[in-house]
């Protein structure tokens, strides 16, 4: 009975230690990102020494929603496509598609999603966004084709099935 408060104190100390670790890890991550951001603020994409740095900074810009800079770095990456991996290029096209979608530039959105799918043709995430874009521009038959492709490739994709049920009747 006398050990009961000690057990509570041990549990509380363990929880505080865990919380301190989580917060420290987040602070270190944010600090590293801020260091990279400070670095790229004084340099243009042409000044950076490696493709990995340019890609990493473009990804930081996307995460931080600094879209103008993300667009500049992404365009730089796409102008030197042959120096990057296919997955990196596919991701850049996908991110550009998301950006253009938010700006309601649907022709550019569709172009970038299709460019991403040329590299990674079985990407459910890209196909799903492409189908949603087709829905927004009322190209329901193309949306249905894209959803059906997702369902064929990924039979357990409930999201695609749900979206198909929401489509207006398509002949």
N, C-alpha and C. Protein backbone atom coordinates (compact mmCIF):
# COMPACT_ATOMS: atom_id res chain seq x y z
N UNK A 1 0.81 -1.19 0.00
CA UNK A 1 0.00 0.00 0.00
C UNK A 1 0.86 1.26 0.00
N UNK A 2 2.00 1.24 0.66
CA UNK A 2 2.87 2.41 0.72
C UNK A 2 3.59 2.66 -0.60
N UNK A 3 3.71 1.64 -1.46
CA UNK A 3 4.40 1.78 -2.74
C UNK A 3 3.51 2.39 -3.83
N UNK A 4 2.23 2.51 -3.53
CA UNK A 4 1.28 2.99 -4.53
C UNK A 4 1.63 4.38 -5.07
N UNK A 5 1.94 5.39 -4.25
CA UNK A 5 2.34 6.71 -4.78
C UNK A 5 3.65 6.67 -5.55
N UNK A 6 4.55 5.80 -5.18
CA UNK A 6 5.82 5.69 -5.90
C UNK A 6 5.58 5.18 -7.32
N UNK A 7 4.68 4.25 -7.49
CA UNK A 7 4.36 3.72 -8.82
C UNK A 7 3.79 4.85 -9.69
N UNK A 8 2.89 5.64 -9.11
CA UNK A 8 2.35 6.78 -9.86
C UNK A 8 3.44 7.75 -10.27
N UNK A 9 4.33 8.04 -9.37
CA UNK A 9 5.42 8.96 -9.68
C UNK A 9 6.33 8.41 -10.77
N UNK A 10 6.62 7.13 -10.75
CA UNK A 10 7.44 6.51 -11.78
C UNK A 10 6.74 6.61 -13.13
N UNK A 11 5.46 6.34 -13.15
CA UNK A 11 4.70 6.42 -14.40
C UNK A 11 4.70 7.86 -14.93
N UNK A 12 4.52 8.82 -14.05
CA UNK A 12 4.52 10.23 -14.47
C UNK A 12 5.90 10.64 -15.00
N UNK A 13 6.95 10.21 -14.36
CA UNK A 13 8.30 10.52 -14.82
C UNK A 13 8.55 9.91 -16.20
N UNK A 14 8.11 8.69 -16.40
CA UNK A 14 8.26 8.02 -17.71
C UNK A 14 7.49 8.79 -18.78
N UNK A 15 6.28 9.19 -18.48
CA UNK A 15 5.48 9.94 -19.46
C UNK A 15 6.11 11.29 -19.80
N UNK A 16 6.61 12.00 -18.77
CA UNK A 16 7.27 13.27 -19.04
C UNK A 16 8.55 13.09 -19.85
N UNK A 17 9.27 12.01 -19.59
CA UNK A 17 10.48 11.72 -20.36
C UNK A 17 10.12 11.46 -21.82
N UNK A 18 9.08 10.69 -22.04
CA UNK A 18 8.63 10.40 -23.40
C UNK A 18 8.18 11.69 -24.10
N UNK A 19 7.42 12.51 -23.41
CA UNK A 19 6.99 13.79 -23.98
C UNK A 19 8.18 14.69 -24.32
N UNK A 20 9.16 14.74 -23.43
CA UNK A 20 10.36 15.54 -23.69
C UNK A 20 11.10 15.03 -24.92
N UNK A 21 11.19 13.72 -25.07
CA UNK A 21 11.86 13.14 -26.24
C UNK A 21 11.13 13.53 -27.53
N UNK A 22 9.82 13.40 -27.53
CA UNK A 22 9.03 13.73 -28.73
C UNK A 22 9.19 15.20 -29.09
N UNK A 23 9.09 16.07 -28.09
CA UNK A 23 9.24 17.50 -28.36
C UNK A 23 10.64 17.85 -28.84
N UNK A 24 11.64 17.23 -28.25
CA UNK A 24 13.01 17.48 -28.68
C UNK A 24 13.22 17.05 -30.12
N UNK A 25 12.68 15.88 -30.48
CA UNK A 25 12.82 15.40 -31.86
C UNK A 25 12.17 16.38 -32.84
N UNK A 26 10.99 16.90 -32.49
CA UNK A 26 10.31 17.86 -33.35
C UNK A 26 11.11 19.16 -33.46
N UNK A 27 11.66 19.62 -32.36
CA UNK A 27 12.43 20.86 -32.37
C UNK A 27 13.68 20.70 -33.24
N UNK A 28 14.34 19.56 -33.13
CA UNK A 28 15.53 19.31 -33.94
C UNK A 28 15.16 19.27 -35.42
N UNK A 29 14.04 18.62 -35.76
CA UNK A 29 13.59 18.56 -37.15
C UNK A 29 13.30 19.96 -37.69
N UNK A 30 12.58 20.75 -36.92
CA UNK A 30 12.26 22.11 -37.34
C UNK A 30 13.53 22.96 -37.47
N UNK A 31 14.45 22.79 -36.55
CA UNK A 31 15.71 23.53 -36.60
C UNK A 31 16.47 23.20 -37.89
N UNK A 32 16.55 21.91 -38.23
CA UNK A 32 17.26 21.52 -39.45
C UNK A 32 16.59 22.10 -40.69
N UNK A 33 15.27 22.06 -40.72
CA UNK A 33 14.56 22.64 -41.86
C UNK A 33 14.80 24.14 -41.94
N UNK A 34 14.78 24.82 -40.81
CA UNK A 34 15.03 26.26 -40.81
C UNK A 34 16.44 26.58 -41.29
N UNK A 35 17.41 25.75 -40.91
CA UNK A 35 18.77 25.94 -41.40
C UNK A 35 18.82 25.82 -42.91
N UNK A 36 18.12 24.82 -43.46
CA UNK A 36 18.09 24.67 -44.91
C UNK A 36 17.38 25.84 -45.58
N UNK A 37 16.30 26.30 -44.96
CA UNK A 37 15.57 27.44 -45.53
C UNK A 37 16.45 28.68 -45.53
N UNK A 38 17.15 28.93 -44.44
CA UNK A 38 18.06 30.09 -44.40
C UNK A 38 19.14 29.97 -45.46
N UNK A 39 19.59 28.75 -45.70
CA UNK A 39 20.60 28.52 -46.73
C UNK A 39 20.07 28.86 -48.12
N UNK A 40 18.86 28.39 -48.46
CA UNK A 40 18.37 28.64 -49.81
C UNK A 40 17.88 30.05 -50.02
N UNK A 41 17.58 30.77 -48.96
CA UNK A 41 17.14 32.16 -49.13
C UNK A 41 18.22 33.03 -49.76
N UNK A 42 19.47 32.66 -49.55
CA UNK A 42 20.55 33.46 -50.10
C UNK A 42 21.07 32.89 -51.41
N UNK A 43 20.50 31.79 -51.87
CA UNK A 43 21.01 31.17 -53.09
C UNK A 43 19.86 30.87 -54.04
N UNK A 44 20.18 30.88 -55.30
CA UNK A 44 19.21 30.48 -56.31
C UNK A 44 19.43 29.00 -56.60
N UNK A 45 18.51 28.33 -57.31
CA UNK A 45 18.72 26.92 -57.64
C UNK A 45 20.03 26.67 -58.38
N UNK A 46 20.45 27.63 -59.19
CA UNK A 46 21.69 27.44 -59.95
C UNK A 46 22.93 27.43 -59.05
N UNK A 47 22.84 28.06 -57.87
CA UNK A 47 23.97 28.12 -56.95
C UNK A 47 24.15 26.85 -56.12
N UNK A 48 23.12 26.04 -56.05
CA UNK A 48 23.21 24.85 -55.21
C UNK A 48 24.08 23.79 -55.87
N UNK A 49 24.79 23.04 -55.04
CA UNK A 49 25.81 22.15 -55.58
C UNK A 49 25.27 20.79 -56.01
N UNK A 50 24.18 20.33 -55.46
CA UNK A 50 23.73 18.99 -55.84
C UNK A 50 22.23 18.96 -56.11
N UNK A 51 21.85 17.99 -56.91
CA UNK A 51 20.44 17.81 -57.24
C UNK A 51 19.65 17.43 -55.99
N UNK A 52 20.29 16.68 -55.09
CA UNK A 52 19.60 16.28 -53.86
C UNK A 52 19.23 17.50 -53.02
N UNK A 53 20.12 18.51 -52.99
CA UNK A 53 19.82 19.73 -52.24
C UNK A 53 18.62 20.46 -52.84
N UNK A 54 18.60 20.56 -54.16
CA UNK A 54 17.50 21.26 -54.82
C UNK A 54 16.20 20.53 -54.57
N UNK A 55 16.22 19.20 -54.71
CA UNK A 55 15.00 18.42 -54.48
C UNK A 55 14.57 18.54 -53.02
N UNK A 56 15.50 18.44 -52.09
CA UNK A 56 15.17 18.54 -50.66
C UNK A 56 14.55 19.89 -50.34
N UNK A 57 15.12 20.95 -50.89
CA UNK A 57 14.58 22.28 -50.63
C UNK A 57 13.20 22.44 -51.26
N UNK A 58 13.01 21.88 -52.45
CA UNK A 58 11.68 21.96 -53.06
C UNK A 58 10.64 21.27 -52.19
N UNK A 59 11.04 20.15 -51.57
CA UNK A 59 10.11 19.42 -50.71
C UNK A 59 9.81 20.20 -49.42
N UNK A 60 10.81 20.87 -48.89
CA UNK A 60 10.59 21.72 -47.71
C UNK A 60 9.61 22.84 -48.06
N UNK A 61 9.79 23.43 -49.22
CA UNK A 61 8.88 24.51 -49.65
C UNK A 61 7.45 23.99 -49.78
N UNK A 62 7.29 22.79 -50.34
CA UNK A 62 5.94 22.22 -50.47
C UNK A 62 5.34 21.99 -49.09
N UNK A 63 6.12 21.40 -48.17
CA UNK A 63 5.60 21.12 -46.83
C UNK A 63 5.24 22.40 -46.09
N UNK A 64 6.04 23.43 -46.27
CA UNK A 64 5.82 24.70 -45.58
C UNK A 64 4.82 25.60 -46.32
N UNK A 65 4.33 25.13 -47.46
CA UNK A 65 3.37 25.85 -48.29
C UNK A 65 3.93 27.19 -48.80
N UNK A 66 5.21 27.17 -49.12
CA UNK A 66 5.86 28.32 -49.75
C UNK A 66 5.85 28.02 -51.25
N UNK A 67 4.67 28.15 -51.85
CA UNK A 67 4.44 27.61 -53.18
C UNK A 67 5.22 28.30 -54.29
N UNK A 68 5.43 29.60 -54.17
CA UNK A 68 6.17 30.29 -55.22
C UNK A 68 7.59 29.74 -55.31
N UNK A 69 8.26 29.59 -54.17
CA UNK A 69 9.61 29.03 -54.18
C UNK A 69 9.59 27.55 -54.59
N UNK A 70 8.58 26.84 -54.14
CA UNK A 70 8.47 25.43 -54.54
C UNK A 70 8.33 25.33 -56.06
N UNK A 71 7.56 26.23 -56.62
CA UNK A 71 7.38 26.24 -58.07
C UNK A 71 8.69 26.55 -58.79
N UNK A 72 9.45 27.49 -58.29
CA UNK A 72 10.74 27.84 -58.90
C UNK A 72 11.68 26.65 -58.87
N UNK A 73 11.79 26.01 -57.71
CA UNK A 73 12.69 24.86 -57.60
C UNK A 73 12.19 23.68 -58.43
N UNK A 74 10.88 23.48 -58.46
CA UNK A 74 10.32 22.38 -59.24
C UNK A 74 10.56 22.57 -60.73
N UNK A 75 10.36 23.79 -61.20
CA UNK A 75 10.63 24.08 -62.61
C UNK A 75 12.11 23.86 -62.94
N UNK A 76 12.98 24.22 -62.01
CA UNK A 76 14.41 23.98 -62.21
C UNK A 76 14.69 22.48 -62.31
N UNK A 77 14.06 21.70 -61.46
CA UNK A 77 14.23 20.25 -61.49
C UNK A 77 13.74 19.70 -62.82
N UNK A 78 12.58 20.15 -63.26
CA UNK A 78 12.02 19.63 -64.51
C UNK A 78 12.83 20.06 -65.73
N UNK A 79 13.51 21.19 -65.64
CA UNK A 79 14.35 21.60 -66.77
C UNK A 79 15.63 20.77 -66.86
N UNK A 80 15.95 20.06 -65.79
CA UNK A 80 17.12 19.16 -65.77
C UNK A 80 16.69 17.75 -65.39
N UNK A 81 15.60 17.28 -65.97
CA UNK A 81 15.00 15.99 -65.60
C UNK A 81 15.98 14.84 -65.58
N UNK A 82 16.86 14.81 -66.55
CA UNK A 82 17.75 13.66 -66.71
C UNK A 82 18.70 13.50 -65.52
N UNK A 83 18.82 14.51 -64.67
CA UNK A 83 19.73 14.43 -63.52
C UNK A 83 19.04 13.91 -62.25
N UNK A 84 17.75 13.60 -62.35
CA UNK A 84 16.98 13.19 -61.18
C UNK A 84 16.41 11.80 -61.40
N UNK A 85 16.02 11.17 -60.30
CA UNK A 85 15.39 9.86 -60.38
C UNK A 85 13.95 9.97 -60.83
N UNK A 86 13.42 8.88 -61.37
CA UNK A 86 12.04 8.89 -61.87
C UNK A 86 11.04 9.19 -60.77
N UNK A 87 11.24 8.64 -59.59
CA UNK A 87 10.31 8.89 -58.49
C UNK A 87 10.30 10.36 -58.10
N UNK A 88 11.46 11.00 -58.14
CA UNK A 88 11.52 12.43 -57.82
C UNK A 88 10.75 13.25 -58.86
N UNK A 89 10.95 12.93 -60.12
CA UNK A 89 10.26 13.66 -61.20
C UNK A 89 8.76 13.42 -61.11
N UNK A 90 8.37 12.18 -60.86
CA UNK A 90 6.95 11.86 -60.73
C UNK A 90 6.33 12.65 -59.57
N UNK A 91 7.04 12.73 -58.46
CA UNK A 91 6.53 13.47 -57.31
C UNK A 91 6.41 14.96 -57.62
N UNK A 92 7.37 15.51 -58.34
CA UNK A 92 7.30 16.93 -58.72
C UNK A 92 6.07 17.18 -59.60
N UNK A 93 5.85 16.31 -60.61
CA UNK A 93 4.67 16.48 -61.46
C UNK A 93 3.39 16.39 -60.63
N UNK A 94 3.35 15.46 -59.67
CA UNK A 94 2.17 15.31 -58.82
C UNK A 94 1.96 16.58 -57.99
N UNK A 95 3.02 17.10 -57.39
CA UNK A 95 2.89 18.30 -56.58
C UNK A 95 2.48 19.50 -57.42
N UNK A 96 3.01 19.60 -58.63
CA UNK A 96 2.59 20.68 -59.52
C UNK A 96 1.11 20.54 -59.86
N UNK A 97 0.66 19.31 -60.08
CA UNK A 97 -0.75 19.08 -60.34
C UNK A 97 -1.61 19.55 -59.18
N UNK A 98 -1.18 19.23 -57.95
CA UNK A 98 -1.93 19.68 -56.77
C UNK A 98 -1.95 21.21 -56.68
N UNK A 99 -0.81 21.84 -56.98
CA UNK A 99 -0.73 23.29 -56.93
C UNK A 99 -1.68 23.91 -57.96
N UNK A 100 -1.60 23.43 -59.20
CA UNK A 100 -2.47 23.98 -60.25
C UNK A 100 -3.94 23.71 -59.96
N UNK A 101 -4.23 22.57 -59.31
CA UNK A 101 -5.61 22.28 -58.93
C UNK A 101 -6.12 23.31 -57.92
N UNK A 102 -5.28 23.64 -56.95
CA UNK A 102 -5.70 24.63 -55.96
C UNK A 102 -5.89 26.01 -56.59
N UNK A 103 -5.19 26.26 -57.71
CA UNK A 103 -5.35 27.53 -58.42
C UNK A 103 -6.47 27.46 -59.47
N UNK A 104 -7.10 26.28 -59.56
CA UNK A 104 -8.19 26.01 -60.51
C UNK A 104 -7.73 26.11 -61.97
N UNK A 105 -6.47 25.79 -62.21
CA UNK A 105 -5.91 25.72 -63.57
C UNK A 105 -5.95 24.25 -63.97
N UNK A 106 -7.13 23.78 -64.34
CA UNK A 106 -7.35 22.35 -64.49
C UNK A 106 -6.64 21.74 -65.69
N UNK A 107 -6.42 22.50 -66.76
CA UNK A 107 -5.67 21.94 -67.89
C UNK A 107 -4.24 21.60 -67.46
N UNK A 108 -3.62 22.51 -66.70
CA UNK A 108 -2.27 22.26 -66.19
C UNK A 108 -2.28 21.12 -65.16
N UNK A 109 -3.34 21.06 -64.38
CA UNK A 109 -3.48 19.99 -63.39
C UNK A 109 -3.48 18.64 -64.08
N UNK A 110 -4.32 18.49 -65.09
CA UNK A 110 -4.44 17.22 -65.82
C UNK A 110 -3.13 16.88 -66.51
N UNK A 111 -2.49 17.88 -67.12
CA UNK A 111 -1.21 17.65 -67.78
C UNK A 111 -0.18 17.09 -66.80
N UNK A 112 -0.06 17.72 -65.63
CA UNK A 112 0.94 17.29 -64.66
C UNK A 112 0.62 15.93 -64.06
N UNK A 113 -0.65 15.65 -63.78
CA UNK A 113 -1.00 14.32 -63.28
C UNK A 113 -0.70 13.25 -64.33
N UNK A 114 -1.04 13.55 -65.58
CA UNK A 114 -0.74 12.57 -66.65
C UNK A 114 0.77 12.39 -66.82
N UNK A 115 1.52 13.46 -66.67
CA UNK A 115 2.99 13.35 -66.74
C UNK A 115 3.52 12.47 -65.61
N UNK A 116 2.95 12.61 -64.44
CA UNK A 116 3.34 11.77 -63.31
C UNK A 116 2.99 10.31 -63.58
N UNK A 117 1.82 10.09 -64.17
CA UNK A 117 1.38 8.71 -64.46
C UNK A 117 2.19 8.07 -65.58
N UNK A 118 2.77 8.87 -66.47
CA UNK A 118 3.65 8.30 -67.49
C UNK A 118 4.87 7.66 -66.84
N UNK A 119 5.31 8.22 -65.73
CA UNK A 119 6.48 7.70 -65.03
C UNK A 119 6.09 6.56 -64.09
N UNK A 120 5.03 6.76 -63.33
CA UNK A 120 4.54 5.74 -62.40
C UNK A 120 3.07 5.46 -62.72
N UNK A 121 2.83 4.60 -63.70
CA UNK A 121 1.47 4.40 -64.21
C UNK A 121 0.48 3.77 -63.21
N UNK A 122 0.97 3.15 -62.16
CA UNK A 122 0.06 2.48 -61.22
C UNK A 122 -0.07 3.22 -59.89
N UNK A 123 0.21 4.51 -59.88
CA UNK A 123 0.10 5.29 -58.65
C UNK A 123 -1.37 5.59 -58.36
N UNK A 124 -1.90 4.94 -57.33
CA UNK A 124 -3.30 5.14 -56.96
C UNK A 124 -3.56 6.58 -56.54
N UNK A 125 -2.63 7.17 -55.83
CA UNK A 125 -2.79 8.55 -55.36
C UNK A 125 -2.93 9.52 -56.53
N UNK A 126 -2.08 9.37 -57.53
CA UNK A 126 -2.13 10.28 -58.68
C UNK A 126 -3.41 10.02 -59.48
N UNK A 127 -3.74 8.74 -59.69
CA UNK A 127 -4.96 8.43 -60.45
C UNK A 127 -6.20 8.97 -59.73
N UNK A 128 -6.22 8.87 -58.41
CA UNK A 128 -7.36 9.37 -57.64
C UNK A 128 -7.51 10.89 -57.81
N UNK A 129 -6.40 11.60 -57.73
CA UNK A 129 -6.46 13.06 -57.91
C UNK A 129 -6.85 13.42 -59.35
N UNK A 130 -6.36 12.65 -60.31
CA UNK A 130 -6.73 12.89 -61.71
C UNK A 130 -8.23 12.69 -61.91
N UNK A 131 -8.76 11.62 -61.35
CA UNK A 131 -10.20 11.35 -61.47
C UNK A 131 -11.02 12.47 -60.81
N UNK A 132 -10.57 12.94 -59.67
CA UNK A 132 -11.27 14.04 -59.00
C UNK A 132 -11.23 15.31 -59.85
N UNK A 133 -10.12 15.52 -60.53
CA UNK A 133 -10.01 16.69 -61.40
C UNK A 133 -10.98 16.55 -62.57
N UNK A 134 -11.06 15.34 -63.15
CA UNK A 134 -12.03 15.12 -64.22
C UNK A 134 -13.44 15.40 -63.73
N UNK A 135 -13.74 15.04 -62.49
CA UNK A 135 -15.06 15.34 -61.93
C UNK A 135 -15.28 16.86 -61.86
N UNK A 136 -14.27 17.59 -61.41
CA UNK A 136 -14.41 19.04 -61.26
C UNK A 136 -14.69 19.73 -62.58
N UNK A 137 -14.12 19.19 -63.67
CA UNK A 137 -14.34 19.81 -64.98
C UNK A 137 -15.47 19.12 -65.74
N UNK A 138 -16.24 18.30 -65.01
CA UNK A 138 -17.43 17.63 -65.53
C UNK A 138 -17.14 16.67 -66.70
N UNK A 139 -15.94 16.09 -66.69
CA UNK A 139 -15.60 15.04 -67.65
C UNK A 139 -15.82 13.70 -66.95
N UNK A 140 -17.10 13.40 -66.75
CA UNK A 140 -17.47 12.26 -65.91
C UNK A 140 -17.07 10.92 -66.49
N UNK A 141 -17.11 10.79 -67.81
CA UNK A 141 -16.72 9.49 -68.39
C UNK A 141 -15.22 9.23 -68.16
N UNK A 142 -14.38 10.27 -68.27
CA UNK A 142 -12.95 10.09 -67.98
C UNK A 142 -12.72 9.82 -66.49
N UNK A 143 -13.50 10.47 -65.65
CA UNK A 143 -13.40 10.20 -64.21
C UNK A 143 -13.76 8.75 -63.92
N UNK A 144 -14.84 8.28 -64.54
CA UNK A 144 -15.26 6.89 -64.34
C UNK A 144 -14.20 5.91 -64.83
N UNK A 145 -13.62 6.18 -66.00
CA UNK A 145 -12.55 5.32 -66.51
C UNK A 145 -11.37 5.25 -65.55
N UNK A 146 -11.02 6.40 -65.01
CA UNK A 146 -9.88 6.45 -64.08
C UNK A 146 -10.21 5.73 -62.78
N UNK A 147 -11.40 5.96 -62.25
CA UNK A 147 -11.79 5.24 -61.03
C UNK A 147 -11.82 3.73 -61.27
N UNK A 148 -12.35 3.33 -62.42
CA UNK A 148 -12.40 1.89 -62.72
C UNK A 148 -10.99 1.29 -62.84
N UNK A 149 -10.06 2.06 -63.37
CA UNK A 149 -8.68 1.58 -63.45
C UNK A 149 -8.10 1.39 -62.05
N UNK A 150 -8.40 2.34 -61.16
CA UNK A 150 -7.93 2.22 -59.77
C UNK A 150 -8.52 0.96 -59.14
N UNK A 151 -9.81 0.76 -59.32
CA UNK A 151 -10.49 -0.39 -58.73
C UNK A 151 -9.94 -1.70 -59.31
N UNK A 152 -9.64 -1.68 -60.59
CA UNK A 152 -9.07 -2.89 -61.23
C UNK A 152 -7.68 -3.20 -60.65
N UNK A 153 -6.85 -2.16 -60.50
CA UNK A 153 -5.50 -2.36 -59.96
C UNK A 153 -5.50 -2.60 -58.46
N UNK A 154 -6.41 -1.95 -57.75
CA UNK A 154 -6.47 -2.03 -56.30
C UNK A 154 -7.91 -2.34 -55.88
N UNK A 155 -8.30 -3.61 -55.93
CA UNK A 155 -9.70 -3.98 -55.68
C UNK A 155 -10.23 -3.56 -54.30
N UNK A 156 -9.37 -3.36 -53.34
CA UNK A 156 -9.82 -2.99 -52.00
C UNK A 156 -9.84 -1.48 -51.77
N UNK A 157 -9.72 -0.71 -52.83
CA UNK A 157 -9.71 0.75 -52.69
C UNK A 157 -11.14 1.25 -52.53
N UNK A 158 -11.55 1.41 -51.29
CA UNK A 158 -12.92 1.84 -50.97
C UNK A 158 -13.18 3.29 -51.39
N UNK A 159 -12.15 4.10 -51.37
CA UNK A 159 -12.32 5.50 -51.72
C UNK A 159 -12.73 5.65 -53.18
N UNK A 160 -12.10 4.89 -54.08
CA UNK A 160 -12.46 4.94 -55.50
C UNK A 160 -13.89 4.44 -55.69
N UNK A 161 -14.24 3.36 -55.00
CA UNK A 161 -15.61 2.84 -55.11
C UNK A 161 -16.64 3.86 -54.64
N UNK A 162 -16.31 4.55 -53.56
CA UNK A 162 -17.20 5.58 -53.02
C UNK A 162 -17.37 6.72 -54.02
N UNK A 163 -16.26 7.13 -54.63
CA UNK A 163 -16.32 8.23 -55.60
C UNK A 163 -17.13 7.85 -56.84
N UNK A 164 -17.02 6.59 -57.28
CA UNK A 164 -17.80 6.13 -58.44
C UNK A 164 -19.29 6.25 -58.14
N UNK A 165 -19.67 5.89 -56.92
CA UNK A 165 -21.09 5.96 -56.56
C UNK A 165 -21.61 7.40 -56.54
N UNK A 166 -20.73 8.37 -56.41
CA UNK A 166 -21.13 9.78 -56.39
C UNK A 166 -21.21 10.40 -57.78
N UNK A 167 -20.65 9.71 -58.77
CA UNK A 167 -20.67 10.27 -60.12
C UNK A 167 -22.10 10.30 -60.66
N UNK A 168 -22.43 11.36 -61.41
CA UNK A 168 -23.72 11.34 -62.10
C UNK A 168 -23.73 10.23 -63.15
N UNK A 169 -24.89 9.83 -63.57
CA UNK A 169 -25.00 8.77 -64.55
C UNK A 169 -24.19 9.09 -65.79
N UNK A 170 -23.38 8.14 -66.21
CA UNK A 170 -22.51 8.32 -67.38
C UNK A 170 -22.90 7.29 -68.41
N UNK A 171 -23.11 7.73 -69.65
CA UNK A 171 -23.48 6.80 -70.73
C UNK A 171 -22.24 6.19 -71.32
